[in-house]
Amino acid sequence: MIKKHVIVRADKAGVFFGVLESKNGSEVELSNCRKLYYWDGAAAVQQLALDGVSKPENCKFTVIVPNITILGVIEIIPCSEKSIISLNAVPVWKM
């Protein structure tokens, strides 16, 4: 899955969408990463990875950061092309 778009679920940090750069145990490095704070139009992270979201206007996805290290990863799911297009189209949520 290296260099592929993935959804990452971390034990205490939440859910992220980005490009997997490396994995070492339960630690991953992602590039072009957004935290998926809240989503609407997908039942769970598995559906996010396959279908994306059907209600992007209701989602809360952060700005994109160039690189991030996430600890305590418990799930890594590869994204479909449909999902990548959908998740990238969600507007940035910020205060």
C-alpha atoms as a PDB file:
ATOM      1  CA  MET A   1       0.000   0.000   0.000  1.00  0.00           C
ATOM      2  CA  ILE A   2       3.029   2.301   0.066  1.00  0.00           C
ATOM      3  CA  LYS A   3       2.436   5.402  -2.119  1.00  0.00           C
ATOM      4  CA  LYS A   4      -1.312   4.643  -2.251  1.00  0.00           C
ATOM      5  CA  HIS A   5      -4.186   6.678  -0.824  1.00  0.00           C
ATOM      6  CA  VAL A   6      -5.451   5.167   2.410  1.00  0.00           C
ATOM      7  CA  ILE A   7      -7.817   5.744   5.293  1.00  0.00           C
ATOM      8  CA  VAL A   8      -6.027   5.357   8.629  1.00  0.00           C
ATOM      9  CA  ARG A   9      -7.817   4.856  11.918  1.00  0.00           C
ATOM     10  CA  ALA A  10      -5.691   5.542  14.979  1.00  0.00           C
ATOM     11  CA  ASP A  11      -6.494   4.425  18.510  1.00  0.00           C
ATOM     12  CA  LYS A  12      -6.712   7.870  20.090  1.00  0.00           C
ATOM     13  CA  ALA A  13      -6.019  10.293  17.230  1.00  0.00           C
ATOM     14  CA  GLY A  14      -9.002   9.662  14.953  1.00  0.00           C
ATOM     15  CA  VAL A  15      -9.380   9.009  11.225  1.00  0.00           C
ATOM     16  CA  PHE A  16      -7.087  10.315   8.476  1.00  0.00           C
ATOM     17  CA  PHE A  17      -6.954  10.294   4.660  1.00  0.00           C
ATOM     18  CA  GLY A  18      -3.644  10.576   2.841  1.00  0.00           C
ATOM     19  CA  VAL A  19      -0.873   8.864   0.925  1.00  0.00           C
ATOM     20  CA  LEU A  20       0.935   6.135   2.868  1.00  0.00           C
ATOM     21  CA  GLU A  21       4.673   6.849   2.828  1.00  0.00           C
ATOM     22  CA  SER A  22       5.860   4.310   5.396  1.00  0.00           C
ATOM     23  CA  LYS A  23       4.719   1.967   8.152  1.00  0.00           C
ATOM     24  CA  ASN A  24       6.671   0.758  11.168  1.00  0.00           C
ATOM     25  CA  GLY A  25       4.607  -1.285  13.612  1.00  0.00           C
ATOM     26  CA  SER A  26       1.657   0.879  14.657  1.00  0.00           C
ATOM     27  CA  GLU A  27       3.299   4.075  13.378  1.00  0.00           C
ATOM     28  CA  VAL A  28       2.656   5.444   9.893  1.00  0.00           C
ATOM     29  CA  GLU A  29       3.857   8.401   7.870  1.00  0.00           C
ATOM     30  CA  LEU A  30       1.298  10.001   5.554  1.00  0.00           C
ATOM     31  CA  SER A  31       1.714  12.763   3.008  1.00  0.00           C
ATOM     32  CA  ASN A  32      -1.002  15.112   1.727  1.00  0.00           C
ATOM     33  CA  CYS A  33      -3.058  14.218   4.767  1.00  0.00           C
ATOM     34  CA  ARG A  34      -6.383  15.427   6.144  1.00  0.00           C
ATOM     35  CA  LYS A  35      -8.040  14.500   9.401  1.00  0.00           C
ATOM     36  CA  LEU A  36     -11.611  13.336   8.809  1.00  0.00           C
ATOM     37  CA  TYR A  37     -13.161  14.939  11.862  1.00  0.00           C
ATOM     38  CA  TYR A  38     -16.791  14.293  10.850  1.00  0.00           C
ATOM     39  CA  TRP A  39     -18.386  12.761   7.776  1.00  0.00           C
ATOM     40  CA  ASP A  40     -21.901  12.367   6.444  1.00  0.00           C
ATOM     41  CA  GLY A  41     -22.967   9.989   3.718  1.00  0.00           C
ATOM     42  CA  ALA A  42     -20.863   6.955   4.709  1.00  0.00           C
ATOM     43  CA  ALA A  43     -21.629   4.480   7.463  1.00  0.00           C
ATOM     44  CA  ALA A  44     -18.059   3.675   8.560  1.00  0.00           C
ATOM     45  CA  VAL A  45     -14.406   4.002   7.567  1.00  0.00           C
ATOM     46  CA  GLN A  46     -14.732   0.980   5.292  1.00  0.00           C
ATOM     47  CA  GLN A  47     -17.408   2.707   3.240  1.00  0.00           C
ATOM     48  CA  LEU A  48     -15.319   5.897   3.190  1.00  0.00           C
ATOM     49  CA  ALA A  49     -12.494   3.892   1.597  1.00  0.00           C
ATOM     50  CA  LEU A  50     -14.752   2.295  -1.025  1.00  0.00           C
ATOM     51  CA  ASP A  51     -17.336   4.982  -1.835  1.00  0.00           C
ATOM     52  CA  GLY A  52     -16.235   8.251  -0.271  1.00  0.00           C
ATOM     53  CA  VAL A  53     -19.073  10.433   1.012  1.00  0.00           C
ATOM     54  CA  SER A  54     -22.436  11.275  -0.511  1.00  0.00           C
ATOM     55  CA  LYS A  55     -22.949  14.503   1.469  1.00  0.00           C
ATOM     56  CA  PRO A  56     -19.661  16.443   1.192  1.00  0.00           C
ATOM     57  CA  GLU A  57     -21.297  19.714   2.221  1.00  0.00           C
ATOM     58  CA  ASN A  58     -21.931  18.250   5.704  1.00  0.00           C
ATOM     59  CA  CYS A  59     -18.413  16.876   6.265  1.00  0.00           C
ATOM     60  CA  LYS A  60     -15.690  18.367   8.447  1.00  0.00           C
ATOM     61  CA  PHE A  61     -12.274  17.583   6.940  1.00  0.00           C
ATOM     62  CA  THR A  62      -9.247  19.631   7.983  1.00  0.00           C
ATOM     63  CA  VAL A  63      -6.709  21.408   5.828  1.00  0.00           C
ATOM     64  CA  ILE A  64      -4.175  19.234   4.012  1.00  0.00           C
ATOM     65  CA  VAL A  65      -0.799  18.916   5.733  1.00  0.00           C
ATOM     66  CA  PRO A  66       2.239  17.900   3.669  1.00  0.00           C
ATOM     67  CA  ASN A  67       3.487  15.251   6.138  1.00  0.00           C
ATOM     68  CA  ILE A  68       2.317  13.704   9.388  1.00  0.00           C
ATOM     69  CA  THR A  69       3.342  10.861  11.693  1.00  0.00           C
ATOM     70  CA  ILE A  70       0.444   9.001  13.278  1.00  0.00           C
ATOM     71  CA  LEU A  71       0.988   6.717  16.271  1.00  0.00           C
ATOM     72  CA  GLY A  72      -1.308   3.974  17.524  1.00  0.00           C
ATOM     73  CA  VAL A  73      -2.666   2.989  14.126  1.00  0.00           C
ATOM     74  CA  ILE A  74      -5.192   0.165  14.343  1.00  0.00           C
ATOM     75  CA  GLU A  75      -6.541   0.121  10.788  1.00  0.00           C
ATOM     76  CA  ILE A  76      -5.235   0.990   7.303  1.00  0.00           C
ATOM     77  CA  ILE A  77      -7.669   0.670   4.391  1.00  0.00           C
ATOM     78  CA  PRO A  78      -6.718   1.277   0.753  1.00  0.00           C
ATOM     79  CA  CYS A  79      -8.963   3.747  -1.087  1.00  0.00           C
ATOM     80  CA  SER A  80     -10.721   3.192  -4.396  1.00  0.00           C
ATOM     81  CA  GLU A  81     -10.465   5.782  -7.178  1.00  0.00           C
ATOM     82  CA  LYS A  82     -14.106   6.710  -6.501  1.00  0.00           C
ATOM     83  CA  SER A  83     -13.289   7.360  -2.859  1.00  0.00           C
ATOM     84  CA  ILE A  84     -10.168   9.415  -3.636  1.00  0.00           C
ATOM     85  CA  ILE A  85     -12.134  11.718  -5.933  1.00  0.00           C
ATOM     86  CA  SER A  86     -14.956  12.075  -3.414  1.00  0.00           C
ATOM     87  CA  LEU A  87     -12.757  12.739  -0.368  1.00  0.00           C
ATOM     88  CA  ASN A  88     -10.540  15.224  -2.219  1.00  0.00           C
ATOM     89  CA  ALA A  89     -13.655  17.174  -3.236  1.00  0.00           C
ATOM     90  CA  VAL A  90     -14.789  17.834   0.353  1.00  0.00           C
ATOM     91  CA  PRO A  91     -14.261  21.524   1.185  1.00  0.00           C
ATOM     92  CA  VAL A  92     -11.738  22.453   3.879  1.00  0.00           C
ATOM     93  CA  TRP A  93     -13.291  22.871   7.303  1.00  0.00           C
ATOM     94  CA  LYS A  94     -11.654  25.478   9.514  1.00  0.00           C
ATOM     95  CA  MET A  95     -12.615  28.108  12.020  1.00  0.00           C
END
